[in-house]
PDB file of N, CA and C in Angstrom:
ATOM      1  N   MET A   1       0.595  -0.987   0.000  1.00  0.00           N
ATOM      2  CA  MET A   1       0.070  -0.226   0.018  1.00  0.00           C
ATOM      3  C   MET A   1       0.883   1.103   0.019  1.00  0.00           C
ATOM      4  N   ASP A   2       0.201   2.143  -0.487  1.00  0.00           N
ATOM      5  CA  ASP A   2       1.093   3.515  -0.417  1.00  0.00           C
ATOM      6  C   ASP A   2       0.979   4.062   0.977  1.00  0.00           C
ATOM      7  N   ILE A   3       2.131   4.453   1.254  1.00  0.00           N
ATOM      8  CA  ILE A   3       2.473   5.080   2.504  1.00  0.00           C
ATOM      9  C   ILE A   3       1.461   6.571   2.969  1.00  0.00           C
ATOM     10  N   GLU A   4       1.289   7.182   2.137  1.00  0.00           N
ATOM     11  CA  GLU A   4       0.541   8.455   1.610  1.00  0.00           C
ATOM     12  C   GLU A   4      -0.988   8.017   2.109  1.00  0.00           C
ATOM     13  N   TYR A   5      -1.269   7.205   1.538  1.00  0.00           N
ATOM     14  CA  TYR A   5      -2.736   6.419   1.590  1.00  0.00           C
ATOM     15  C   TYR A   5      -3.044   6.164   3.199  1.00  0.00           C
ATOM     16  N   LEU A   6      -2.112   5.545   3.768  1.00  0.00           N
ATOM     17  CA  LEU A   6      -2.166   5.057   5.099  1.00  0.00           C
ATOM     18  C   LEU A   6      -2.021   6.422   5.853  1.00  0.00           C
ATOM     19  N   LEU A   7      -1.382   7.306   5.703  1.00  0.00           N
ATOM     20  CA  LEU A   7      -1.154   8.543   6.593  1.00  0.00           C
ATOM     21  C   LEU A   7      -2.508   9.440   6.280  1.00  0.00           C
ATOM     22  N   VAL A   8      -3.282   9.232   5.574  1.00  0.00           N
ATOM     23  CA  VAL A   8      -4.433  10.046   5.354  1.00  0.00           C
ATOM     24  C   VAL A   8      -5.179   9.353   6.336  1.00  0.00           C
ATOM     25  N   ARG A   9      -5.478   8.008   6.043  1.00  0.00           N
ATOM     26  CA  ARG A   9      -6.476   7.323   6.907  1.00  0.00           C
ATOM     27  C   ARG A   9      -6.255   7.709   8.309  1.00  0.00           C
ATOM     28  N   GLN A  10      -5.160   7.794   8.891  1.00  0.00           N
ATOM     29  CA  GLN A  10      -4.172   7.725  10.137  1.00  0.00           C
ATOM     30  C   GLN A  10      -4.874   9.158  10.664  1.00  0.00           C
ATOM     31  N   VAL A  11      -4.753  10.347   9.973  1.00  0.00           N
ATOM     32  CA  VAL A  11      -5.224  11.426  10.223  1.00  0.00           C
ATOM     33  C   VAL A  11      -6.570  11.564  10.462  1.00  0.00           C
ATOM     34  N   PHE A  12      -7.468  11.018   9.552  1.00  0.00           N
ATOM     35  CA  PHE A  12      -8.806  10.884   9.597  1.00  0.00           C
ATOM     36  C   PHE A  12      -9.474  10.105  10.617  1.00  0.00           C
ATOM     37  N   ARG A  13      -8.789   8.940  11.081  1.00  0.00           N
ATOM     38  CA  ARG A  13      -9.225   8.342  12.116  1.00  0.00           C
ATOM     39  C   ARG A  13      -8.894   9.094  13.258  1.00  0.00           C
ATOM     40  N   GLU A  14      -7.685   9.617  13.421  1.00  0.00           N
ATOM     41  CA  GLU A  14      -7.645  10.555  14.637  1.00  0.00           C
ATOM     42  C   GLU A  14      -8.447  11.834  14.935  1.00  0.00           C
ATOM     43  N   GLY A  15      -8.698  12.426  13.790  1.00  0.00           N
ATOM     44  CA  GLY A  15      -9.328  13.207  13.566  1.00  0.00           C
ATOM     45  C   GLY A  15     -10.917  13.182  14.098  1.00  0.00           C
ATOM     46  N   ALA A  16     -11.512  12.184  13.602  1.00  0.00           N
ATOM     47  CA  ALA A  16     -12.845  11.807  13.631  1.00  0.00           C
ATOM     48  C   ALA A  16     -13.182  10.671  14.424  1.00  0.00           C
ATOM     49  N   GLY A  17     -12.537  10.314  15.251  1.00  0.00           N
ATOM     50  CA  GLY A  17     -12.224   9.328  16.150  1.00  0.00           C
ATOM     51  C   GLY A  17     -13.440   9.369  17.199  1.00  0.00           C
ATOM     52  N   GLN A  18     -13.288  10.628  18.013  1.00  0.00           N
ATOM     53  CA  GLN A  18     -14.264  10.819  19.190  1.00  0.00           C
ATOM     54  C   GLN A  18     -15.586  11.229  18.794  1.00  0.00           C
ATOM     55  N   PHE A  19     -15.661  11.822  17.640  1.00  0.00           N
ATOM     56  CA  PHE A  19     -17.010  11.958  16.914  1.00  0.00           C
ATOM     57  C   PHE A  19     -17.929  10.509  16.699  1.00  0.00           C
ATOM     58  N   LEU A  20     -17.087  10.057  15.931  1.00  0.00           N
ATOM     59  CA  LEU A  20     -17.628   8.393  15.606  1.00  0.00           C
ATOM     60  C   LEU A  20     -17.740   7.680  17.007  1.00  0.00           C
ATOM     61  N   ARG A  21     -17.117   7.850  17.743  1.00  0.00           N
ATOM     62  CA  ARG A  21     -17.108   7.024  18.832  1.00  0.00           C
ATOM     63  C   ARG A  21     -18.399   7.320  19.808  1.00  0.00           C
ATOM     64  N   GLU A  22     -18.652   8.629  19.821  1.00  0.00           N
ATOM     65  CA  GLU A  22     -19.804   9.261  20.667  1.00  0.00           C
ATOM     66  C   GLU A  22     -21.134   8.772  19.573  1.00  0.00           C
ATOM     67  N   LEU A  23     -20.869   8.842  18.397  1.00  0.00           N
ATOM     68  CA  LEU A  23     -22.197   8.604  17.597  1.00  0.00           C
ATOM     69  C   LEU A  23     -22.587   7.161  17.764  1.00  0.00           C
ATOM     70  N   PHE A  24     -21.396   6.300  17.744  1.00  0.00           N
ATOM     71  CA  PHE A  24     -21.769   4.695  17.990  1.00  0.00           C
ATOM     72  C   PHE A  24     -22.375   4.616  19.076  1.00  0.00           C
ATOM     73  N   MET A  25     -21.902   5.179  20.125  1.00  0.00           N
ATOM     74  CA  MET A  25     -22.630   4.896  21.508  1.00  0.00           C
ATOM     75  C   MET A  25     -23.758   5.400  21.733  1.00  0.00           C
ATOM     76  N   LYS A  26     -23.978   6.401  20.951  1.00  0.00           N
ATOM     77  CA  LYS A  26     -25.604   6.644  21.158  1.00  0.00           C
ATOM     78  C   LYS A  26     -26.694   5.732  20.220  1.00  0.00           C
ATOM     79  N   MET A  27     -26.147   5.296  19.027  1.00  0.00           N
ATOM     80  CA  MET A  27     -26.731   4.212  18.545  1.00  0.00           C
ATOM     81  C   MET A  27     -26.821   2.954  19.416  1.00  0.00           C
ATOM     82  N   THR A  28     -25.928   2.778  20.127  1.00  0.00           N
ATOM     83  CA  THR A  28     -26.053   1.609  20.805  1.00  0.00           C
ATOM     84  C   THR A  28     -26.946   1.651  22.108  1.00  0.00           C
ATOM     85  N   PHE A  29     -26.922   2.719  22.678  1.00  0.00           N
ATOM     86  CA  PHE A  29     -28.121   3.221  23.681  1.00  0.00           C
ATOM     87  C   PHE A  29     -29.290   3.176  23.142  1.00  0.00           C
ATOM     88  N   LEU A  30     -29.543   3.710  21.919  1.00  0.00           N
ATOM     89  CA  LEU A  30     -31.062   3.482  21.160  1.00  0.00           C
ATOM     90  C   LEU A  30     -31.464   2.279  21.029  1.00  0.00           C
ATOM     91  N   THR A  31     -30.688   1.278  20.734  1.00  0.00           N
ATOM     92  CA  THR A  31     -30.813  -0.171  20.637  1.00  0.00           C
ATOM     93  C   THR A  31     -30.955  -1.266  21.946  1.00  0.00           C
ATOM     94  N   ASP A  32     -30.697  -0.433  23.082  1.00  0.00           N
ATOM     95  CA  ASP A  32     -31.149  -1.152  24.383  1.00  0.00           C
ATOM     96  C   ASP A  32     -32.523  -1.462  24.380  1.00  0.00           C
ATOM     97  N   LYS A  33     -32.571  -2.560  25.060  1.00  0.00           N
ATOM     98  CA  LYS A  33     -34.141  -3.032  25.272  1.00  0.00           C
ATOM     99  C   LYS A  33     -35.230  -2.050  25.873  1.00  0.00           C
ATOM    100  N   GLU A  34     -34.481  -1.436  26.985  1.00  0.00           N
ATOM    101  CA  GLU A  34     -35.610  -0.599  27.622  1.00  0.00           C
ATOM    102  C   GLU A  34     -35.708   0.564  27.032  1.00  0.00           C
ATOM    103  N   THR A  35     -34.840   1.065  26.311  1.00  0.00           N
ATOM    104  CA  THR A  35     -34.775   2.307  25.485  1.00  0.00           C
ATOM    105  C   THR A  35     -36.109   2.166  24.554  1.00  0.00           C
ATOM    106  N   SER A  36     -35.984   1.076  23.521  1.00  0.00           N
ATOM    107  CA  SER A  36     -36.711   0.529  22.549  1.00  0.00           C
ATOM    108  C   SER A  36     -38.051   0.498  23.110  1.00  0.00           C
ATOM    109  N   ILE A  37     -38.316  -0.210  23.968  1.00  0.00           N
ATOM    110  CA  ILE A  37     -39.921  -0.030  24.780  1.00  0.00           C
ATOM    111  C   ILE A  37     -40.508   1.229  25.038  1.00  0.00           C
ATOM    112  N   VAL A  38     -39.417   2.180  25.718  1.00  0.00           N
ATOM    113  CA  VAL A  38     -39.863   3.486  25.872  1.00  0.00           C
ATOM    114  C   VAL A  38     -39.919   4.179  24.674  1.00  0.00           C
ATOM    115  N   ILE A  39     -39.394   4.033  23.683  1.00  0.00           N
ATOM    116  CA  ILE A  39     -39.586   4.871  22.451  1.00  0.00           C
ATOM    117  C   ILE A  39     -40.859   4.544  21.736  1.00  0.00           C
ATOM    118  N   VAL A  40     -41.042   3.021  21.570  1.00  0.00           N
ATOM    119  CA  VAL A  40     -42.259   2.486  21.033  1.00  0.00           C
ATOM    120  C   VAL A  40     -43.522   2.797  22.093  1.00  0.00           C
ATOM    121  N   ALA A  41     -43.369   2.751  23.080  1.00  0.00           N
ATOM    122  CA  ALA A  41     -44.369   3.304  24.265  1.00  0.00           C
ATOM    123  C   ALA A  41     -44.818   4.918  23.765  1.00  0.00           C
ATOM    124  N   ILE A  42     -44.087   5.622  23.712  1.00  0.00           N
ATOM    125  CA  ILE A  42     -44.197   7.342  23.590  1.00  0.00           C
ATOM    126  C   ILE A  42     -44.798   7.407  21.908  1.00  0.00           C
ATOM    127  N   ILE A  43     -44.281   6.431  21.286  1.00  0.00           N
ATOM    128  CA  ILE A  43     -45.151   6.757  19.819  1.00  0.00           C
ATOM    129  C   ILE A  43     -46.413   6.095  19.772  1.00  0.00           C
ATOM    130  N   TYR A  44     -46.408   5.075  20.608  1.00  0.00           N
ATOM    131  CA  TYR A  44     -48.069   4.472  20.693  1.00  0.00           C
ATOM    132  C   TYR A  44     -48.896   5.315  21.384  1.00  0.00           C
ATOM    133  N   TRP A  45     -48.449   5.997  22.606  1.00  0.00           N
ATOM    134  CA  TRP A  45     -49.292   6.814  23.301  1.00  0.00           C
ATOM    135  C   TRP A  45     -49.654   8.198  22.526  1.00  0.00           C
ATOM    136  N   CYS A  46     -48.392   8.919  22.005  1.00  0.00           N
ATOM    137  CA  CYS A  46     -48.635  10.257  21.525  1.00  0.00           C
ATOM    138  C   CYS A  46     -48.603  10.559  20.215  1.00  0.00           C
ATOM    139  N   ILE A  47     -48.216   9.431  19.277  1.00  0.00           N
ATOM    140  CA  ILE A  47     -48.240   9.908  17.999  1.00  0.00           C
ATOM    141  C   ILE A  47     -49.398   9.141  17.345  1.00  0.00           C
ATOM    142  N   SER A  48     -49.123   7.917  17.486  1.00  0.00           N
ATOM    143  CA  SER A  48     -50.447   6.963  16.426  1.00  0.00           C
ATOM    144  C   SER A  48     -50.425   5.621  17.218  1.00  0.00           C
ATOM    145  N   LYS A  49     -51.539   5.141  17.666  1.00  0.00           N
ATOM    146  CA  LYS A  49     -51.575   3.950  18.132  1.00  0.00           C
ATOM    147  C   LYS A  49     -51.327   2.844  16.867  1.00  0.00           C
ATOM    148  N   GLU A  50     -51.825   3.049  15.940  1.00  0.00           N
ATOM    149  CA  GLU A  50     -51.626   2.146  14.636  1.00  0.00           C
ATOM    150  C   GLU A  50     -50.289   2.072  14.026  1.00  0.00           C
ATOM    151  N   TYR A  51     -49.515   3.062  14.176  1.00  0.00           N
ATOM    152  CA  TYR A  51     -48.148   3.075  13.796  1.00  0.00           C
ATOM    153  C   TYR A  51     -47.407   2.434  14.873  1.00  0.00           C
ATOM    154  N   GLY A  52     -47.622   2.694  16.053  1.00  0.00           N
ATOM    155  CA  GLY A  52     -46.968   1.939  17.308  1.00  0.00           C
ATOM    156  C   GLY A  52     -47.233   0.560  17.262  1.00  0.00           C
ATOM    157  N   SER A  53     -48.396   0.168  16.952  1.00  0.00           N
ATOM    158  CA  SER A  53     -48.832  -1.472  17.029  1.00  0.00           C
ATOM    159  C   SER A  53     -47.892  -1.967  16.105  1.00  0.00           C
ATOM    160  N   ARG A  54     -47.662  -1.303  14.792  1.00  0.00           N
ATOM    161  CA  ARG A  54     -46.779  -1.951  13.744  1.00  0.00           C
ATOM    162  C   ARG A  54     -45.383  -1.973  14.154  1.00  0.00           C
ATOM    163  N   LEU A  55     -44.776  -1.255  15.140  1.00  0.00           N
ATOM    164  CA  LEU A  55     -43.790  -1.266  15.384  1.00  0.00           C
ATOM    165  C   LEU A  55     -43.195  -2.399  16.387  1.00  0.00           C
ATOM    166  N   PHE A  56     -44.158  -2.650  17.164  1.00  0.00           N
ATOM    167  CA  PHE A  56     -44.063  -3.441  18.365  1.00  0.00           C
ATOM    168  C   PHE A  56     -45.281  -4.428  18.544  1.00  0.00           C
ATOM    169  N   PRO A  57     -45.443  -5.122  17.600  1.00  0.00           N
ATOM    170  CA  PRO A  57     -46.930  -6.092  17.725  1.00  0.00           C
ATOM    171  C   PRO A  57     -47.153  -6.738  18.926  1.00  0.00           C
ATOM    172  N   ARG A  58     -46.223  -7.558  19.217  1.00  0.00           N
ATOM    173  CA  ARG A  58     -46.532  -8.291  20.360  1.00  0.00           C
ATOM    174  C   ARG A  58     -46.941  -7.784  21.643  1.00  0.00           C
ATOM    175  N   ARG A  59     -46.148  -6.436  21.839  1.00  0.00           N
ATOM    176  CA  ARG A  59     -46.064  -5.557  23.012  1.00  0.00           C
ATOM    177  C   ARG A  59     -47.291  -4.625  22.965  1.00  0.00           C
ATOM    178  N   ALA A  60     -47.851  -4.058  22.092  1.00  0.00           N
ATOM    179  CA  ALA A  60     -49.024  -3.375  21.808  1.00  0.00           C
ATOM    180  C   ALA A  60     -49.902  -3.664  21.996  1.00  0.00           C
ATOM    181  N   SER A  61     -50.310  -5.089  22.275  1.00  0.00           N
ATOM    182  CA  SER A  61     -51.818  -5.505  22.470  1.00  0.00           C
ATOM    183  C   SER A  61     -51.627  -5.454  24.237  1.00  0.00           C
ATOM    184  N   TYR A  62     -51.017  -5.755  24.754  1.00  0.00           N
ATOM    185  CA  TYR A  62     -50.849  -5.631  26.052  1.00  0.00           C
ATOM    186  C   TYR A  62     -50.832  -3.957  26.614  1.00  0.00           C
ATOM    187  N   VAL A  63     -50.690  -3.083  25.731  1.00  0.00           N
ATOM    188  CA  VAL A  63     -50.599  -1.568  26.298  1.00  0.00           C
ATOM    189  C   VAL A  63     -52.028  -1.337  26.821  1.00  0.00           C
TER     190      VAL A  63
END
């Protein structure tokens, strides 16, 4: 590989590393079980019961 290419990638990784780490940590939090249930419940109660039922059909009948 060309050394210039590797140096460019290294600079990008160092510059965007913290931003990407924070972004992926937030995405991981949103896929947490409890967070997903809260998000679907808010959609079900506040936005649309029909849309909320389609997002989480097994749980929507118990709400």
